[in-house]
Amino acid sequence: MNEAADHRDPLYWRTIGPWWKRISIYDGGALFLRQFAAAPEAVGHLFAAHWLQSEVRNGGFGQFFSNSTGVLAPEAERGFRAIGMPMAADVIASQIASFGPAYPREQDDRELVLEKRDRVVNRLIKTGNLIALAVRGRQMPPGDEAFWGLLKEENGGFLAAADRFALENDPDLA
């Protein structure tokens, strides 16, 4: 399958397109959750999975979590499971878990966690504590490269999986 050609007009976009402006990722967790809950389940899965893969492809998980899009991380994990990409969903789950027991929906709260992580790593580098830095690295969740590979390969790749899910779950596409 030629993923570059499919990217121009993915079929799944017909499912999420009508909802694109009806679900805000820019105005905080409470509004997002309320609007997201109003969407059909298949739309929600595709909407969240689309946003996450788009952001991570563009700038990695760091960009995803530091931007407003990070509000939908738990929904994106469920979306990837729904479209048949459980290994990608596991990477997302590991990333979410690194924020602690309660995932921060608000962008400022996620930024605080990310900044604290950066300070710890920078302190370890400055002090030359390479052993602690290596241990810290082993404690970090799988990163961008692992996820990018899964986006290309798992279940035929993201575009194929998302299109297949849309065809199977959107009666307007049948």
N, C-alpha and C. Protein backbone atom coordinates (compact mmCIF):
# COMPACT_ATOMS: atom_id res chain seq x y z
N MET A 1 0.84 -1.18 0.00
CA MET A 1 0.00 0.00 0.00
C MET A 1 0.88 1.24 0.00
N ASN A 2 0.59 2.19 -0.83
CA ASN A 2 1.36 3.42 -0.92
C ASN A 2 0.80 4.42 0.08
N GLU A 3 1.47 4.50 1.25
CA GLU A 3 0.96 5.34 2.33
C GLU A 3 0.99 6.82 1.95
N ALA A 4 1.96 7.24 1.18
CA ALA A 4 2.04 8.65 0.79
C ALA A 4 0.82 9.05 -0.04
N ALA A 5 0.41 8.21 -0.97
CA ALA A 5 -0.76 8.51 -1.79
C ALA A 5 -2.03 8.52 -0.94
N ASP A 6 -2.14 7.58 -0.01
CA ASP A 6 -3.32 7.50 0.84
C ASP A 6 -3.44 8.71 1.75
N HIS A 7 -2.30 9.30 2.12
CA HIS A 7 -2.31 10.40 3.08
C HIS A 7 -3.04 11.63 2.53
N ARG A 8 -3.09 11.78 1.22
CA ARG A 8 -3.75 12.95 0.64
C ARG A 8 -5.24 12.99 0.96
N ASP A 9 -5.89 11.86 0.94
CA ASP A 9 -7.33 11.83 1.15
C ASP A 9 -7.72 10.53 1.83
N PRO A 10 -7.34 10.36 3.11
CA PRO A 10 -7.69 9.10 3.76
C PRO A 10 -9.20 8.94 3.89
N LEU A 11 -9.66 7.74 3.70
CA LEU A 11 -11.08 7.44 3.79
C LEU A 11 -11.62 7.79 5.18
N TYR A 12 -10.84 7.50 6.21
CA TYR A 12 -11.33 7.74 7.58
C TYR A 12 -11.66 9.21 7.82
N TRP A 13 -11.09 10.09 7.00
CA TRP A 13 -11.37 11.52 7.18
C TRP A 13 -12.86 11.82 6.96
N ARG A 14 -13.52 11.04 6.12
CA ARG A 14 -14.96 11.25 5.90
C ARG A 14 -15.75 10.97 7.18
N THR A 15 -15.21 10.14 8.04
CA THR A 15 -15.87 9.84 9.31
C THR A 15 -15.65 10.96 10.32
N ILE A 16 -14.42 11.47 10.41
CA ILE A 16 -14.15 12.48 11.44
C ILE A 16 -14.36 13.91 10.95
N GLY A 17 -14.34 14.12 9.64
CA GLY A 17 -14.46 15.48 9.10
C GLY A 17 -15.64 16.28 9.63
N PRO A 18 -16.85 15.71 9.64
CA PRO A 18 -18.00 16.48 10.13
C PRO A 18 -17.90 16.86 11.61
N TRP A 19 -17.04 16.18 12.35
CA TRP A 19 -16.89 16.43 13.78
C TRP A 19 -15.67 17.29 14.10
N TRP A 20 -14.86 17.57 13.11
CA TRP A 20 -13.57 18.21 13.32
C TRP A 20 -13.66 19.49 14.15
N LYS A 21 -14.61 20.35 13.84
CA LYS A 21 -14.74 21.63 14.56
C LYS A 21 -15.70 21.55 15.74
N ARG A 22 -16.26 20.38 15.96
CA ARG A 22 -17.22 20.22 17.06
C ARG A 22 -16.57 19.70 18.32
N ILE A 23 -15.31 19.29 18.23
CA ILE A 23 -14.57 18.78 19.38
C ILE A 23 -13.32 19.65 19.53
N SER A 24 -13.27 20.43 20.60
CA SER A 24 -12.15 21.34 20.81
C SER A 24 -11.07 20.68 21.67
N ILE A 25 -9.86 20.72 21.17
CA ILE A 25 -8.71 20.27 21.98
C ILE A 25 -8.00 21.48 22.58
N TYR A 26 -8.49 22.67 22.32
CA TYR A 26 -7.79 23.90 22.68
C TYR A 26 -8.29 24.58 23.95
N ASP A 27 -9.39 24.13 24.50
CA ASP A 27 -10.03 24.86 25.59
C ASP A 27 -10.11 24.08 26.89
N GLY A 28 -9.18 23.18 27.12
CA GLY A 28 -9.10 22.47 28.38
C GLY A 28 -9.82 21.14 28.40
N GLY A 29 -9.51 20.40 29.45
CA GLY A 29 -9.99 19.03 29.57
C GLY A 29 -11.49 18.88 29.72
N ALA A 30 -12.11 19.74 30.51
CA ALA A 30 -13.55 19.59 30.77
C ALA A 30 -14.36 19.76 29.49
N LEU A 31 -14.08 20.81 28.74
CA LEU A 31 -14.83 21.03 27.50
C LEU A 31 -14.53 19.92 26.49
N PHE A 32 -13.26 19.55 26.37
CA PHE A 32 -12.92 18.47 25.44
C PHE A 32 -13.72 17.21 25.78
N LEU A 33 -13.72 16.80 27.04
CA LEU A 33 -14.40 15.56 27.42
C LEU A 33 -15.90 15.63 27.14
N ARG A 34 -16.51 16.77 27.39
CA ARG A 34 -17.94 16.94 27.13
C ARG A 34 -18.24 16.82 25.63
N GLN A 35 -17.47 17.52 24.82
CA GLN A 35 -17.69 17.48 23.37
C GLN A 35 -17.35 16.11 22.79
N PHE A 36 -16.28 15.52 23.28
CA PHE A 36 -15.86 14.21 22.79
C PHE A 36 -16.93 13.16 23.09
N ALA A 37 -17.54 13.26 24.27
CA ALA A 37 -18.57 12.29 24.67
C ALA A 37 -19.80 12.36 23.76
N ALA A 38 -20.02 13.50 23.12
CA ALA A 38 -21.19 13.65 22.24
C ALA A 38 -20.98 12.99 20.88
N ALA A 39 -19.75 12.69 20.54
CA ALA A 39 -19.46 12.09 19.23
C ALA A 39 -19.73 10.59 19.25
N PRO A 40 -20.11 10.02 18.11
CA PRO A 40 -20.22 8.56 18.04
C PRO A 40 -18.87 7.91 18.38
N GLU A 41 -18.93 6.73 18.94
CA GLU A 41 -17.71 6.06 19.40
C GLU A 41 -16.66 5.92 18.30
N ALA A 42 -17.06 5.51 17.11
CA ALA A 42 -16.09 5.34 16.02
C ALA A 42 -15.43 6.67 15.66
N VAL A 43 -16.19 7.74 15.67
CA VAL A 43 -15.64 9.07 15.40
C VAL A 43 -14.59 9.41 16.45
N GLY A 44 -14.93 9.17 17.71
CA GLY A 44 -14.00 9.47 18.79
C GLY A 44 -12.69 8.72 18.66
N HIS A 45 -12.79 7.43 18.37
CA HIS A 45 -11.56 6.64 18.22
C HIS A 45 -10.68 7.19 17.11
N LEU A 46 -11.29 7.48 15.98
CA LEU A 46 -10.51 7.97 14.83
C LEU A 46 -10.00 9.40 15.05
N PHE A 47 -10.81 10.24 15.66
CA PHE A 47 -10.42 11.62 15.94
C PHE A 47 -9.18 11.65 16.83
N ALA A 48 -9.24 10.91 17.94
CA ALA A 48 -8.12 10.93 18.89
C ALA A 48 -6.88 10.26 18.30
N ALA A 49 -7.06 9.14 17.63
CA ALA A 49 -5.91 8.45 17.03
C ALA A 49 -5.28 9.33 15.95
N HIS A 50 -6.11 10.00 15.16
CA HIS A 50 -5.57 10.88 14.12
C HIS A 50 -4.71 11.99 14.73
N TRP A 51 -5.23 12.67 15.74
CA TRP A 51 -4.48 13.77 16.34
C TRP A 51 -3.16 13.28 16.90
N LEU A 52 -3.17 12.18 17.63
CA LEU A 52 -1.93 11.70 18.22
C LEU A 52 -0.92 11.34 17.15
N GLN A 53 -1.30 10.55 16.16
CA GLN A 53 -0.32 10.14 15.16
C GLN A 53 0.20 11.35 14.39
N SER A 54 -0.64 12.32 14.13
CA SER A 54 -0.21 13.51 13.41
C SER A 54 0.84 14.29 14.20
N GLU A 55 0.59 14.50 15.47
CA GLU A 55 1.52 15.24 16.31
C GLU A 55 2.83 14.48 16.53
N VAL A 56 2.74 13.18 16.78
CA VAL A 56 3.95 12.40 17.03
C VAL A 56 4.78 12.27 15.76
N ARG A 57 4.13 12.12 14.62
CA ARG A 57 4.89 12.11 13.35
C ARG A 57 5.61 13.43 13.14
N ASN A 58 4.99 14.52 13.53
CA ASN A 58 5.54 15.85 13.29
C ASN A 58 6.66 16.21 14.27
N GLY A 59 6.47 15.91 15.55
CA GLY A 59 7.46 16.37 16.53
C GLY A 59 7.67 15.45 17.71
N GLY A 60 7.20 14.22 17.61
CA GLY A 60 7.42 13.26 18.68
C GLY A 60 6.42 13.40 19.83
N PHE A 61 6.57 12.49 20.81
CA PHE A 61 5.67 12.52 21.96
C PHE A 61 5.86 13.80 22.77
N GLY A 62 7.07 14.35 22.78
CA GLY A 62 7.30 15.60 23.50
C GLY A 62 6.39 16.70 22.98
N GLN A 63 6.29 16.81 21.67
CA GLN A 63 5.40 17.82 21.07
C GLN A 63 3.95 17.51 21.40
N PHE A 64 3.56 16.25 21.26
CA PHE A 64 2.17 15.88 21.53
C PHE A 64 1.76 16.27 22.94
N PHE A 65 2.58 15.89 23.93
CA PHE A 65 2.20 16.14 25.31
C PHE A 65 2.33 17.61 25.71
N SER A 66 3.23 18.35 25.09
CA SER A 66 3.38 19.76 25.45
C SER A 66 2.36 20.65 24.75
N ASN A 67 1.76 20.17 23.70
CA ASN A 67 0.72 20.93 22.98
C ASN A 67 -0.67 20.63 23.55
N SER A 68 -1.63 21.39 23.09
CA SER A 68 -3.01 21.19 23.53
C SER A 68 -3.53 19.80 23.18
N THR A 69 -2.98 19.18 22.14
CA THR A 69 -3.43 17.85 21.73
C THR A 69 -3.27 16.81 22.82
N GLY A 70 -2.34 17.03 23.74
CA GLY A 70 -2.12 16.06 24.81
C GLY A 70 -3.36 15.79 25.65
N VAL A 71 -4.36 16.67 25.57
CA VAL A 71 -5.59 16.49 26.32
C VAL A 71 -6.26 15.15 26.01
N LEU A 72 -6.03 14.63 24.79
CA LEU A 72 -6.77 13.44 24.37
C LEU A 72 -5.93 12.15 24.40
N ALA A 73 -4.85 12.14 25.13
CA ALA A 73 -3.98 10.96 25.15
C ALA A 73 -4.71 9.67 25.54
N PRO A 74 -5.48 9.64 26.63
CA PRO A 74 -6.17 8.39 26.97
C PRO A 74 -7.15 7.93 25.88
N GLU A 75 -7.82 8.87 25.24
CA GLU A 75 -8.74 8.52 24.17
C GLU A 75 -7.97 8.00 22.95
N ALA A 76 -6.80 8.56 22.70
CA ALA A 76 -5.98 8.09 21.58
C ALA A 76 -5.51 6.66 21.82
N GLU A 77 -5.13 6.36 23.05
CA GLU A 77 -4.74 4.97 23.36
C GLU A 77 -5.89 4.03 23.03
N ARG A 78 -7.09 4.36 23.48
CA ARG A 78 -8.25 3.52 23.18
C ARG A 78 -8.53 3.47 21.68
N GLY A 79 -8.32 4.59 21.00
CA GLY A 79 -8.52 4.64 19.56
C GLY A 79 -7.58 3.70 18.82
N PHE A 80 -6.32 3.68 19.22
CA PHE A 80 -5.37 2.78 18.57
C PHE A 80 -5.74 1.32 18.83
N ARG A 81 -6.22 1.01 20.02
CA ARG A 81 -6.67 -0.36 20.29
C ARG A 81 -7.86 -0.71 19.39
N ALA A 82 -8.79 0.23 19.27
CA ALA A 82 -10.00 -0.01 18.48
C ALA A 82 -9.69 -0.25 17.01
N ILE A 83 -8.71 0.45 16.46
CA ILE A 83 -8.41 0.29 15.03
C ILE A 83 -7.46 -0.88 14.78
N GLY A 84 -7.15 -1.63 15.82
CA GLY A 84 -6.35 -2.84 15.64
C GLY A 84 -4.85 -2.62 15.69
N MET A 85 -4.42 -1.63 16.48
CA MET A 85 -2.99 -1.37 16.63
C MET A 85 -2.61 -1.42 18.12
N PRO A 86 -2.72 -2.62 18.73
CA PRO A 86 -2.48 -2.72 20.17
C PRO A 86 -1.04 -2.45 20.60
N MET A 87 -0.07 -2.75 19.76
CA MET A 87 1.32 -2.48 20.15
C MET A 87 1.57 -0.97 20.18
N ALA A 88 1.02 -0.24 19.23
CA ALA A 88 1.12 1.22 19.26
C ALA A 88 0.39 1.76 20.49
N ALA A 89 -0.76 1.19 20.80
CA ALA A 89 -1.51 1.60 21.99
C ALA A 89 -0.71 1.35 23.25
N ASP A 90 0.05 0.26 23.29
CA ASP A 90 0.89 -0.02 24.46
C ASP A 90 1.98 1.03 24.63
N VAL A 91 2.55 1.50 23.53
CA VAL A 91 3.55 2.57 23.61
C VAL A 91 2.90 3.83 24.18
N ILE A 92 1.71 4.15 23.69
CA ILE A 92 0.98 5.32 24.19
C ILE A 92 0.67 5.16 25.67
N ALA A 93 0.23 3.97 26.07
CA ALA A 93 -0.08 3.71 27.48
C ALA A 93 1.15 3.91 28.36
N SER A 94 2.31 3.48 27.89
CA SER A 94 3.54 3.67 28.65
C SER A 94 3.87 5.15 28.78
N GLN A 95 3.67 5.89 27.72
CA GLN A 95 3.90 7.33 27.77
C GLN A 95 2.94 8.00 28.76
N ILE A 96 1.68 7.62 28.72
CA ILE A 96 0.69 8.19 29.64
C ILE A 96 1.05 7.86 31.08
N ALA A 97 1.44 6.61 31.34
CA ALA A 97 1.78 6.18 32.70
C ALA A 97 2.95 6.96 33.27
N SER A 98 3.82 7.47 32.41
CA SER A 98 4.99 8.21 32.90
C SER A 98 4.59 9.54 33.54
N PHE A 99 3.34 9.95 33.39
CA PHE A 99 2.86 11.18 34.03
C PHE A 99 2.35 10.92 35.45
N GLY A 100 2.28 9.67 35.86
CA GLY A 100 1.81 9.35 37.20
C GLY A 100 0.42 8.74 37.17
N PRO A 101 -0.14 8.50 38.36
CA PRO A 101 -1.41 7.77 38.44
C PRO A 101 -2.62 8.52 37.88
N ALA A 102 -2.59 9.84 37.88
CA ALA A 102 -3.71 10.63 37.34
C ALA A 102 -3.18 11.44 36.16
N TYR A 103 -3.63 11.09 34.96
CA TYR A 103 -3.14 11.79 33.77
C TYR A 103 -3.60 13.24 33.77
N PRO A 104 -2.68 14.19 33.59
CA PRO A 104 -3.05 15.61 33.60
C PRO A 104 -3.67 16.06 32.27
N ARG A 105 -4.93 16.38 32.29
CA ARG A 105 -5.63 16.83 31.07
C ARG A 105 -5.22 18.24 30.66
N GLU A 106 -4.87 19.05 31.64
CA GLU A 106 -4.56 20.45 31.34
C GLU A 106 -3.12 20.59 30.86
N GLN A 107 -2.94 21.39 29.82
CA GLN A 107 -1.64 21.58 29.20
C GLN A 107 -0.59 22.09 30.19
N ASP A 108 -0.94 23.05 31.03
CA ASP A 108 0.01 23.59 32.00
C ASP A 108 0.49 22.52 32.97
N ASP A 109 -0.41 21.63 33.37
CA ASP A 109 -0.03 20.55 34.29
C ASP A 109 0.93 19.56 33.62
N ARG A 110 0.69 19.26 32.35
CA ARG A 110 1.61 18.37 31.63
C ARG A 110 2.97 19.03 31.47
N GLU A 111 2.97 20.33 31.19
CA GLU A 111 4.23 21.07 31.04
C GLU A 111 5.07 20.99 32.31
N LEU A 112 4.43 21.09 33.48
CA LEU A 112 5.17 21.00 34.74
C LEU A 112 5.87 19.66 34.87
N VAL A 113 5.19 18.58 34.52
CA VAL A 113 5.79 17.25 34.59
C VAL A 113 6.95 17.14 33.60
N LEU A 114 6.75 17.62 32.39
CA LEU A 114 7.81 17.55 31.37
C LEU A 114 9.02 18.38 31.77
N GLU A 115 8.79 19.57 32.33
CA GLU A 115 9.90 20.42 32.76
C GLU A 115 10.67 19.77 33.90
N LYS A 116 9.96 19.15 34.83
CA LYS A 116 10.63 18.47 35.95
C LYS A 116 11.52 17.34 35.42
N ARG A 117 11.01 16.57 34.47
CA ARG A 117 11.81 15.51 33.84
C ARG A 117 13.08 16.07 33.23
N ASP A 118 12.91 17.16 32.49
CA ASP A 118 14.07 17.78 31.83
C ASP A 118 15.10 18.25 32.85
N ARG A 119 14.63 18.84 33.96
CA ARG A 119 15.57 19.30 35.00
C ARG A 119 16.35 18.15 35.59
N VAL A 120 15.68 17.03 35.85
CA VAL A 120 16.36 15.86 36.41
C VAL A 120 17.43 15.35 35.45
N VAL A 121 17.08 15.20 34.20
CA VAL A 121 18.04 14.70 33.21
C VAL A 121 19.21 15.68 33.06
N ASN A 122 18.92 16.97 32.99
CA ASN A 122 19.99 17.96 32.85
C ASN A 122 20.92 17.97 34.06
N ARG A 123 20.36 17.81 35.26
CA ARG A 123 21.18 17.75 36.47
C ARG A 123 22.09 16.52 36.43
N LEU A 124 21.56 15.39 35.99
CA LEU A 124 22.39 14.18 35.90
C LEU A 124 23.51 14.35 34.88
N ILE A 125 23.21 15.02 33.79
CA ILE A 125 24.24 15.26 32.77
C ILE A 125 25.31 16.20 33.32
N LYS A 126 24.89 17.29 33.96
CA LYS A 126 25.85 18.28 34.49
C LYS A 126 26.76 17.68 35.55
N THR A 127 26.21 16.81 36.38
CA THR A 127 27.02 16.23 37.46
C THR A 127 27.83 15.04 36.98
N GLY A 128 27.63 14.65 35.74
CA GLY A 128 28.38 13.51 35.21
C GLY A 128 27.95 12.19 35.79
N ASN A 129 26.75 12.14 36.34
CA ASN A 129 26.25 10.92 36.96
C ASN A 129 25.68 10.02 35.86
N LEU A 130 26.58 9.41 35.11
CA LEU A 130 26.18 8.62 33.95
C LEU A 130 25.44 7.34 34.34
N ILE A 131 25.78 6.78 35.49
CA ILE A 131 25.08 5.57 35.94
C ILE A 131 23.61 5.91 36.22
N ALA A 132 23.38 6.98 36.97
CA ALA A 132 22.00 7.38 37.26
C ALA A 132 21.27 7.76 35.98
N LEU A 133 21.97 8.40 35.05
CA LEU A 133 21.36 8.77 33.78
C LEU A 133 20.96 7.52 32.98
N ALA A 134 21.83 6.51 32.99
CA ALA A 134 21.52 5.26 32.29
C ALA A 134 20.33 4.56 32.93
N VAL A 135 20.27 4.55 34.26
CA VAL A 135 19.13 3.94 34.96
C VAL A 135 17.86 4.71 34.63
N ARG A 136 17.95 6.02 34.64
CA ARG A 136 16.79 6.86 34.31
C ARG A 136 16.30 6.56 32.89
N GLY A 137 17.24 6.40 31.97
CA GLY A 137 16.88 6.08 30.59
C GLY A 137 16.15 4.76 30.47
N ARG A 138 16.53 3.78 31.27
CA ARG A 138 15.84 2.48 31.23
C ARG A 138 14.45 2.57 31.83
N GLN A 139 14.20 3.58 32.64
CA GLN A 139 12.89 3.74 33.26
C GLN A 139 11.92 4.51 32.36
N MET A 140 12.42 5.13 31.33
CA MET A 140 11.58 5.92 30.44
C MET A 140 10.79 5.00 29.51
N PRO A 141 9.59 5.40 29.15
CA PRO A 141 8.77 4.56 28.25
C PRO A 141 9.37 4.51 26.85
N PRO A 142 8.93 3.53 26.05
CA PRO A 142 9.40 3.47 24.66
C PRO A 142 9.12 4.80 23.98
N GLY A 143 10.00 5.18 23.08
CA GLY A 143 9.91 6.52 22.52
C GLY A 143 9.41 6.60 21.10
N ASP A 144 9.75 7.72 20.50
CA ASP A 144 9.26 8.08 19.18
C ASP A 144 9.59 7.05 18.11
N GLU A 145 10.84 6.58 18.10
CA GLU A 145 11.26 5.67 17.03
C GLU A 145 10.43 4.39 17.03
N ALA A 146 10.20 3.84 18.22
CA ALA A 146 9.39 2.62 18.32
C ALA A 146 7.98 2.88 17.78
N PHE A 147 7.42 4.01 18.15
CA PHE A 147 6.06 4.34 17.72
C PHE A 147 6.01 4.58 16.22
N TRP A 148 6.99 5.31 15.68
CA TRP A 148 7.00 5.58 14.24
C TRP A 148 7.04 4.29 13.45
N GLY A 149 7.83 3.32 13.92
CA GLY A 149 7.88 2.03 13.24
C GLY A 149 6.54 1.33 13.25
N LEU A 150 5.85 1.39 14.38
CA LEU A 150 4.53 0.76 14.48
C LEU A 150 3.51 1.47 13.58
N LEU A 151 3.61 2.78 13.47
CA LEU A 151 2.70 3.52 12.58
C LEU A 151 2.82 3.04 11.14
N LYS A 152 4.00 2.61 10.76
CA LYS A 152 4.22 2.14 9.39
C LYS A 152 3.84 0.68 9.20
N GLU A 153 4.01 -0.14 10.23
CA GLU A 153 3.94 -1.59 10.03
C GLU A 153 2.74 -2.29 10.67
N GLU A 154 2.39 -1.90 11.88
CA GLU A 154 1.36 -2.67 12.59
C GLU A 154 0.02 -2.62 11.86
N ASN A 155 -0.58 -3.77 11.65
CA ASN A 155 -1.91 -3.90 11.03
C ASN A 155 -1.98 -3.18 9.68
N GLY A 156 -0.88 -3.23 8.92
CA GLY A 156 -0.84 -2.60 7.60
C GLY A 156 -0.49 -1.13 7.62
N GLY A 157 -0.22 -0.57 8.78
CA GLY A 157 0.08 0.85 8.92
C GLY A 157 -1.15 1.63 9.36
N PHE A 158 -0.90 2.81 9.92
CA PHE A 158 -1.99 3.60 10.49
C PHE A 158 -3.09 3.89 9.47
N LEU A 159 -2.72 4.37 8.30
CA LEU A 159 -3.75 4.77 7.33
C LEU A 159 -4.63 3.60 6.93
N ALA A 160 -4.03 2.46 6.68
CA ALA A 160 -4.81 1.28 6.30
C ALA A 160 -5.72 0.85 7.45
N ALA A 161 -5.18 0.84 8.66
CA ALA A 161 -5.97 0.41 9.83
C ALA A 161 -7.12 1.39 10.08
N ALA A 162 -6.85 2.69 10.00
CA ALA A 162 -7.89 3.69 10.24
C ALA A 162 -8.98 3.62 9.16
N ASP A 163 -8.57 3.48 7.91
CA ASP A 163 -9.56 3.37 6.83
C ASP A 163 -10.41 2.11 6.98
N ARG A 164 -9.78 1.01 7.32
CA ARG A 164 -10.51 -0.25 7.51
C ARG A 164 -11.52 -0.10 8.65
N PHE A 165 -11.09 0.51 9.75
CA PHE A 165 -11.97 0.72 10.89
C PHE A 165 -13.15 1.61 10.49
N ALA A 166 -12.88 2.66 9.74
CA ALA A 166 -13.96 3.55 9.29
C ALA A 166 -14.97 2.79 8.43
N LEU A 167 -14.47 2.00 7.50
CA LEU A 167 -15.37 1.21 6.63
C LEU A 167 -16.23 0.25 7.44
N GLU A 168 -15.66 -0.34 8.48
CA GLU A 168 -16.39 -1.32 9.29
C GLU A 168 -17.34 -0.69 10.29
N ASN A 169 -17.15 0.60 10.62
CA ASN A 169 -17.90 1.20 11.72
C ASN A 169 -18.71 2.44 11.37
N ASP A 170 -18.56 2.96 10.17
CA ASP A 170 -19.31 4.14 9.77
C ASP A 170 -20.35 3.73 8.74
N PRO A 171 -21.64 3.70 9.11
CA PRO A 171 -22.66 3.25 8.17
C PRO A 171 -22.74 4.13 6.91
N ASP A 172 -22.28 5.37 6.99
CA ASP A 172 -22.30 6.24 5.81
C ASP A 172 -21.26 5.84 4.77
N LEU A 173 -20.30 5.03 5.15
CA LEU A 173 -19.26 4.59 4.21
C LEU A 173 -19.56 3.22 3.61
N ALA A 174 -20.55 2.54 4.16
CA ALA A 174 -20.85 1.17 3.71
C ALA A 174 -21.46 1.14 2.32
